[in-house]
PDB file of N, CA and C in Angstrom:
ATOM      1  N   UNK A   1       4.101  12.934 -14.228  1.00  0.00           N
ATOM      2  CA  UNK A   1       3.774  13.164 -12.875  1.00  0.00           C
ATOM      3  C   UNK A   1       4.139  11.692 -12.235  1.00  0.00           C
ATOM      4  N   UNK A   2       4.847  11.656 -11.416  1.00  0.00           N
ATOM      5  CA  UNK A   2       5.155  10.378 -10.026  1.00  0.00           C
ATOM      6  C   UNK A   2       4.604  10.763  -9.062  1.00  0.00           C
ATOM      7  N   UNK A   3       3.362   9.594  -8.942  1.00  0.00           N
ATOM      8  CA  UNK A   3       2.855   9.643  -7.336  1.00  0.00           C
ATOM      9  C   UNK A   3       3.616   8.670  -6.273  1.00  0.00           C
ATOM     10  N   UNK A   4       3.721   9.056  -5.327  1.00  0.00           N
ATOM     11  CA  UNK A   4       4.441   8.334  -4.021  1.00  0.00           C
ATOM     12  C   UNK A   4       3.465   7.486  -3.452  1.00  0.00           C
ATOM     13  N   UNK A   5       3.308   6.352  -3.376  1.00  0.00           N
ATOM     14  CA  UNK A   5       2.021   5.403  -3.212  1.00  0.00           C
ATOM     15  C   UNK A   5       2.468   4.643  -1.997  1.00  0.00           C
ATOM     16  N   UNK A   6       1.841   4.318  -1.074  1.00  0.00           N
ATOM     17  CA  UNK A   6       1.652   3.495   0.111  1.00  0.00           C
ATOM     18  C   UNK A   6       1.229   2.408   0.077  1.00  0.00           C
ATOM     19  N   UNK A   7       2.056   0.942  -0.325  1.00  0.00           N
ATOM     20  CA  UNK A   7       1.713  -0.005  -0.726  1.00  0.00           C
ATOM     21  C   UNK A   7       0.949  -0.859   0.637  1.00  0.00           C
ATOM     22  N   UNK A   8      -0.152  -1.588   0.383  1.00  0.00           N
ATOM     23  CA  UNK A   8      -0.096  -2.389   1.968  1.00  0.00           C
ATOM     24  C   UNK A   8      -0.452  -4.021   1.257  1.00  0.00           C
ATOM     25  N   UNK A   9      -0.405  -4.796   2.043  1.00  0.00           N
ATOM     26  CA  UNK A   9      -0.833  -6.132   1.730  1.00  0.00           C
ATOM     27  C   UNK A   9      -1.816  -6.731   3.147  1.00  0.00           C
ATOM     28  N   UNK A  10      -2.209  -7.586   2.819  1.00  0.00           N
ATOM     29  CA  UNK A  10      -2.979  -8.529   3.924  1.00  0.00           C
ATOM     30  C   UNK A  10      -2.349  -8.728   5.189  1.00  0.00           C
ATOM     31  N   UNK A  11      -2.282  -8.868   6.372  1.00  0.00           N
ATOM     32  CA  UNK A  11      -2.067  -9.637   7.222  1.00  0.00           C
ATOM     33  C   UNK A  11      -1.645 -10.946   7.182  1.00  0.00           C
ATOM     34  N   UNK A  12      -2.506 -11.727   6.461  1.00  0.00           N
ATOM     35  CA  UNK A  12      -2.134 -13.126   6.408  1.00  0.00           C
ATOM     36  C   UNK A  12      -1.234 -13.497   5.405  1.00  0.00           C
ATOM     37  N   UNK A  13      -0.738 -12.409   4.888  1.00  0.00           N
ATOM     38  CA  UNK A  13       0.060 -12.951   3.811  1.00  0.00           C
ATOM     39  C   UNK A  13       1.781 -13.235   4.171  1.00  0.00           C
ATOM     40  N   UNK A  14       1.959 -13.276   5.560  1.00  0.00           N
ATOM     41  CA  UNK A  14       3.468 -13.292   5.843  1.00  0.00           C
ATOM     42  C   UNK A  14       4.342 -12.928   5.661  1.00  0.00           C
ATOM     43  N   UNK A  15       5.746 -12.837   5.785  1.00  0.00           N
ATOM     44  CA  UNK A  15       6.844 -12.161   5.393  1.00  0.00           C
ATOM     45  C   UNK A  15       7.527 -12.646   4.236  1.00  0.00           C
ATOM     46  N   UNK A  16       7.030 -13.833   3.750  1.00  0.00           N
ATOM     47  CA  UNK A  16       7.975 -14.830   3.027  1.00  0.00           C
ATOM     48  C   UNK A  16       7.706 -14.119   1.438  1.00  0.00           C
ATOM     49  N   UNK A  17       6.861 -13.387   0.918  1.00  0.00           N
ATOM     50  CA  UNK A  17       6.694 -13.067  -0.167  1.00  0.00           C
ATOM     51  C   UNK A  17       5.501 -14.027  -0.493  1.00  0.00           C
ATOM     52  N   UNK A  18       5.816 -14.425  -1.868  1.00  0.00           N
ATOM     53  CA  UNK A  18       4.704 -15.577  -2.572  1.00  0.00           C
ATOM     54  C   UNK A  18       3.656 -15.067  -3.446  1.00  0.00           C
ATOM     55  N   UNK A  19       2.510 -15.894  -2.965  1.00  0.00           N
ATOM     56  CA  UNK A  19       1.334 -14.984  -3.503  1.00  0.00           C
ATOM     57  C   UNK A  19       0.131 -14.417  -3.261  1.00  0.00           C
ATOM     58  N   UNK A  20       0.818 -13.202  -3.344  1.00  0.00           N
ATOM     59  CA  UNK A  20       0.334 -11.737  -2.727  1.00  0.00           C
ATOM     60  C   UNK A  20       0.037 -10.736  -3.518  1.00  0.00           C
ATOM     61  N   UNK A  21      -1.259 -10.120  -3.391  1.00  0.00           N
ATOM     62  CA  UNK A  21      -1.568  -8.680  -4.193  1.00  0.00           C
ATOM     63  C   UNK A  21      -0.883  -7.904  -3.247  1.00  0.00           C
ATOM     64  N   UNK A  22      -0.696  -6.306  -3.306  1.00  0.00           N
ATOM     65  CA  UNK A  22      -0.778  -5.458  -3.001  1.00  0.00           C
ATOM     66  C   UNK A  22      -1.421  -4.371  -3.522  1.00  0.00           C
ATOM     67  N   UNK A  23      -1.795  -3.336  -2.336  1.00  0.00           N
ATOM     68  CA  UNK A  23      -3.146  -2.535  -2.727  1.00  0.00           C
ATOM     69  C   UNK A  23      -2.437  -0.976  -2.355  1.00  0.00           C
ATOM     70  N   UNK A  24      -2.641   0.087  -3.329  1.00  0.00           N
ATOM     71  CA  UNK A  24      -2.625   1.255  -2.610  1.00  0.00           C
ATOM     72  C   UNK A  24      -3.655   2.103  -3.238  1.00  0.00           C
ATOM     73  N   UNK A  25      -3.986   3.377  -2.396  1.00  0.00           N
ATOM     74  CA  UNK A  25      -4.847   4.004  -2.934  1.00  0.00           C
ATOM     75  C   UNK A  25      -4.700   5.499  -2.948  1.00  0.00           C
ATOM     76  N   UNK A  26      -4.907   6.183  -3.748  1.00  0.00           N
ATOM     77  CA  UNK A  26      -4.559   7.749  -3.910  1.00  0.00           C
ATOM     78  C   UNK A  26      -5.704   8.543  -4.795  1.00  0.00           C
ATOM     79  N   UNK A  27      -6.426   9.290  -3.858  1.00  0.00           N
ATOM     80  CA  UNK A  27      -7.585  10.300  -4.577  1.00  0.00           C
ATOM     81  C   UNK A  27      -8.569   9.268  -4.936  1.00  0.00           C
ATOM     82  N   UNK A  28      -8.921   9.485  -5.953  1.00  0.00           N
ATOM     83  CA  UNK A  28     -10.269   8.272  -6.402  1.00  0.00           C
ATOM     84  C   UNK A  28      -9.851   7.111  -7.281  1.00  0.00           C
ATOM     85  N   UNK A  29      -8.389   6.547  -6.945  1.00  0.00           N
ATOM     86  CA  UNK A  29      -8.090   5.630  -7.639  1.00  0.00           C
ATOM     87  C   UNK A  29      -7.444   4.625  -6.652  1.00  0.00           C
ATOM     88  N   UNK A  30      -7.671   3.257  -7.103  1.00  0.00           N
ATOM     89  CA  UNK A  30      -6.786   2.096  -6.141  1.00  0.00           C
ATOM     90  C   UNK A  30      -5.988   1.164  -7.166  1.00  0.00           C
ATOM     91  N   UNK A  31      -4.723   1.291  -6.619  1.00  0.00           N
ATOM     92  CA  UNK A  31      -4.000   0.444  -7.545  1.00  0.00           C
ATOM     93  C   UNK A  31      -3.562  -0.819  -7.056  1.00  0.00           C
ATOM     94  N   UNK A  32      -3.338  -1.951  -7.975  1.00  0.00           N
ATOM     95  CA  UNK A  32      -3.363  -3.155  -7.202  1.00  0.00           C
ATOM     96  C   UNK A  32      -2.118  -3.763  -8.136  1.00  0.00           C
ATOM     97  N   UNK A  33      -1.179  -4.675  -7.411  1.00  0.00           N
ATOM     98  CA  UNK A  33      -0.072  -5.097  -8.254  1.00  0.00           C
ATOM     99  C   UNK A  33       0.398  -6.377  -7.496  1.00  0.00           C
ATOM    100  N   UNK A  34       1.252  -7.175  -7.909  1.00  0.00           N
ATOM    101  CA  UNK A  34       1.589  -8.381  -7.411  1.00  0.00           C
ATOM    102  C   UNK A  34       2.913  -8.041  -6.760  1.00  0.00           C
ATOM    103  N   UNK A  35       2.924  -8.948  -5.463  1.00  0.00           N
ATOM    104  CA  UNK A  35       3.770  -8.442  -4.533  1.00  0.00           C
ATOM    105  C   UNK A  35       4.875  -9.074  -5.423  1.00  0.00           C
ATOM    106  N   UNK A  36       4.982  -9.814  -5.986  1.00  0.00           N
ATOM    107  CA  UNK A  36       6.402 -10.311  -6.679  1.00  0.00           C
ATOM    108  C   UNK A  36       6.977  -9.821  -7.568  1.00  0.00           C
ATOM    109  N   UNK A  37       6.119  -8.455  -8.223  1.00  0.00           N
ATOM    110  CA  UNK A  37       6.650  -7.984  -9.308  1.00  0.00           C
ATOM    111  C   UNK A  37       7.029  -6.540  -8.899  1.00  0.00           C
ATOM    112  N   UNK A  38       7.479  -5.725  -7.758  1.00  0.00           N
ATOM    113  CA  UNK A  38       7.349  -4.805  -7.226  1.00  0.00           C
ATOM    114  C   UNK A  38       8.357  -3.677  -8.302  1.00  0.00           C
ATOM    115  N   UNK A  39       7.898  -2.817  -8.507  1.00  0.00           N
ATOM    116  CA  UNK A  39       9.261  -1.953  -9.360  1.00  0.00           C
ATOM    117  C   UNK A  39       9.323  -2.407 -10.925  1.00  0.00           C
ATOM    118  N   UNK A  40       8.847  -3.557 -11.607  1.00  0.00           N
ATOM    119  CA  UNK A  40       8.735  -3.783 -12.787  1.00  0.00           C
ATOM    120  C   UNK A  40       7.874  -4.405 -13.268  1.00  0.00           C
ATOM    121  N   UNK A  41       6.778  -4.725 -12.535  1.00  0.00           N
ATOM    122  CA  UNK A  41       5.811  -5.480 -13.020  1.00  0.00           C
ATOM    123  C   UNK A  41       4.060  -4.385 -13.066  1.00  0.00           C
ATOM    124  N   UNK A  42       3.518  -4.900 -13.976  1.00  0.00           N
ATOM    125  CA  UNK A  42       2.269  -4.168 -14.102  1.00  0.00           C
ATOM    126  C   UNK A  42       1.711  -3.805 -12.829  1.00  0.00           C
ATOM    127  N   UNK A  43       0.489  -2.863 -13.198  1.00  0.00           N
ATOM    128  CA  UNK A  43      -0.073  -1.930 -11.964  1.00  0.00           C
ATOM    129  C   UNK A  43      -1.465  -1.888 -12.731  1.00  0.00           C
ATOM    130  N   UNK A  44      -2.556  -2.748 -11.797  1.00  0.00           N
ATOM    131  CA  UNK A  44      -3.873  -2.382 -12.183  1.00  0.00           C
ATOM    132  C   UNK A  44      -4.412  -1.246 -11.719  1.00  0.00           C
ATOM    133  N   UNK A  45      -5.040  -0.286 -12.237  1.00  0.00           N
ATOM    134  CA  UNK A  45      -5.627   0.986 -11.816  1.00  0.00           C
ATOM    135  C   UNK A  45      -7.197   0.757 -11.929  1.00  0.00           C
ATOM    136  N   UNK A  46      -7.966   1.051 -10.912  1.00  0.00           N
ATOM    137  CA  UNK A  46      -9.405   1.085 -10.903  1.00  0.00           C
ATOM    138  C   UNK A  46     -10.057   1.838  -9.784  1.00  0.00           C
ATOM    139  N   UNK A  47     -11.327   2.502 -10.186  1.00  0.00           N
ATOM    140  CA  UNK A  47     -11.869   3.868  -9.333  1.00  0.00           C
ATOM    141  C   UNK A  47     -12.326   3.175  -7.734  1.00  0.00           C
ATOM    142  N   UNK A  48     -12.445   3.966  -7.162  1.00  0.00           N
ATOM    143  CA  UNK A  48     -12.585   3.389  -5.864  1.00  0.00           C
ATOM    144  C   UNK A  48     -14.085   2.590  -5.811  1.00  0.00           C
ATOM    145  N   UNK A  49     -15.008   3.400  -6.445  1.00  0.00           N
ATOM    146  CA  UNK A  49     -16.158   2.505  -6.280  1.00  0.00           C
ATOM    147  C   UNK A  49     -16.330   1.322  -7.196  1.00  0.00           C
ATOM    148  N   UNK A  50     -15.427   1.217  -8.248  1.00  0.00           N
ATOM    149  CA  UNK A  50     -15.465  -0.067  -9.146  1.00  0.00           C
ATOM    150  C   UNK A  50     -14.547  -1.450  -7.935  1.00  0.00           C
ATOM    151  N   UNK A  51     -13.562  -0.687  -7.095  1.00  0.00           N
ATOM    152  CA  UNK A  51     -12.626  -1.542  -6.408  1.00  0.00           C
ATOM    153  C   UNK A  51     -13.845  -1.997  -4.765  1.00  0.00           C
ATOM    154  N   UNK A  52     -14.415  -1.342  -4.330  1.00  0.00           N
ATOM    155  CA  UNK A  52     -15.488  -1.555  -3.646  1.00  0.00           C
ATOM    156  C   UNK A  52     -16.206  -2.702  -3.822  1.00  0.00           C
ATOM    157  N   UNK A  53     -16.878  -2.242  -5.374  1.00  0.00           N
ATOM    158  CA  UNK A  53     -17.810  -3.011  -5.991  1.00  0.00           C
ATOM    159  C   UNK A  53     -17.380  -4.681  -5.924  1.00  0.00           C
ATOM    160  N   UNK A  54     -15.980  -4.582  -6.527  1.00  0.00           N
ATOM    161  CA  UNK A  54     -15.220  -6.108  -6.332  1.00  0.00           C
ATOM    162  C   UNK A  54     -15.068  -6.940  -5.199  1.00  0.00           C
ATOM    163  N   UNK A  55     -14.619  -5.976  -4.034  1.00  0.00           N
ATOM    164  CA  UNK A  55     -14.342  -6.245  -2.758  1.00  0.00           C
ATOM    165  C   UNK A  55     -15.663  -6.930  -2.440  1.00  0.00           C
ATOM    166  N   UNK A  56     -16.766  -6.324  -2.314  1.00  0.00           N
ATOM    167  CA  UNK A  56     -18.288  -6.688  -1.690  1.00  0.00           C
ATOM    168  C   UNK A  56     -18.581  -8.118  -2.465  1.00  0.00           C
ATOM    169  N   UNK A  57     -18.122  -8.014  -3.700  1.00  0.00           N
ATOM    170  CA  UNK A  57     -18.690  -9.335  -4.429  1.00  0.00           C
ATOM    171  C   UNK A  57     -17.503 -10.539  -4.140  1.00  0.00           C
ATOM    172  N   UNK A  58     -16.335 -10.402  -3.811  1.00  0.00           N
ATOM    173  CA  UNK A  58     -15.520 -11.110  -3.628  1.00  0.00           C
ATOM    174  C   UNK A  58     -15.660 -11.522  -2.477  1.00  0.00           C
ATOM    175  N   UNK A  59     -16.261 -11.012  -1.144  1.00  0.00           N
ATOM    176  CA  UNK A  59     -16.639 -11.139   0.097  1.00  0.00           C
ATOM    177  C   UNK A  59     -17.726 -11.962   0.403  1.00  0.00           C
ATOM    178  N   UNK A  60     -18.252 -12.425  -0.518  1.00  0.00           N
ATOM    179  CA  UNK A  60     -19.936 -13.173  -0.707  1.00  0.00           C
ATOM    180  C   UNK A  60     -19.291 -14.485  -0.576  1.00  0.00           C
TER     181      UNK A  60
END
């Protein structure tokens, strides 16, 4: 099964690429990838609850 994901990255990232991550959400899963490895790089999958907990801790 193939999922068509809409990837987004921070507006602070700029347009030149570089050291960014992209995030996409589908149902109860959040996908995270390196913006330099689009198409051939690994993708991290986590549940929405786990992602929310991670973001809350990172924002501290």
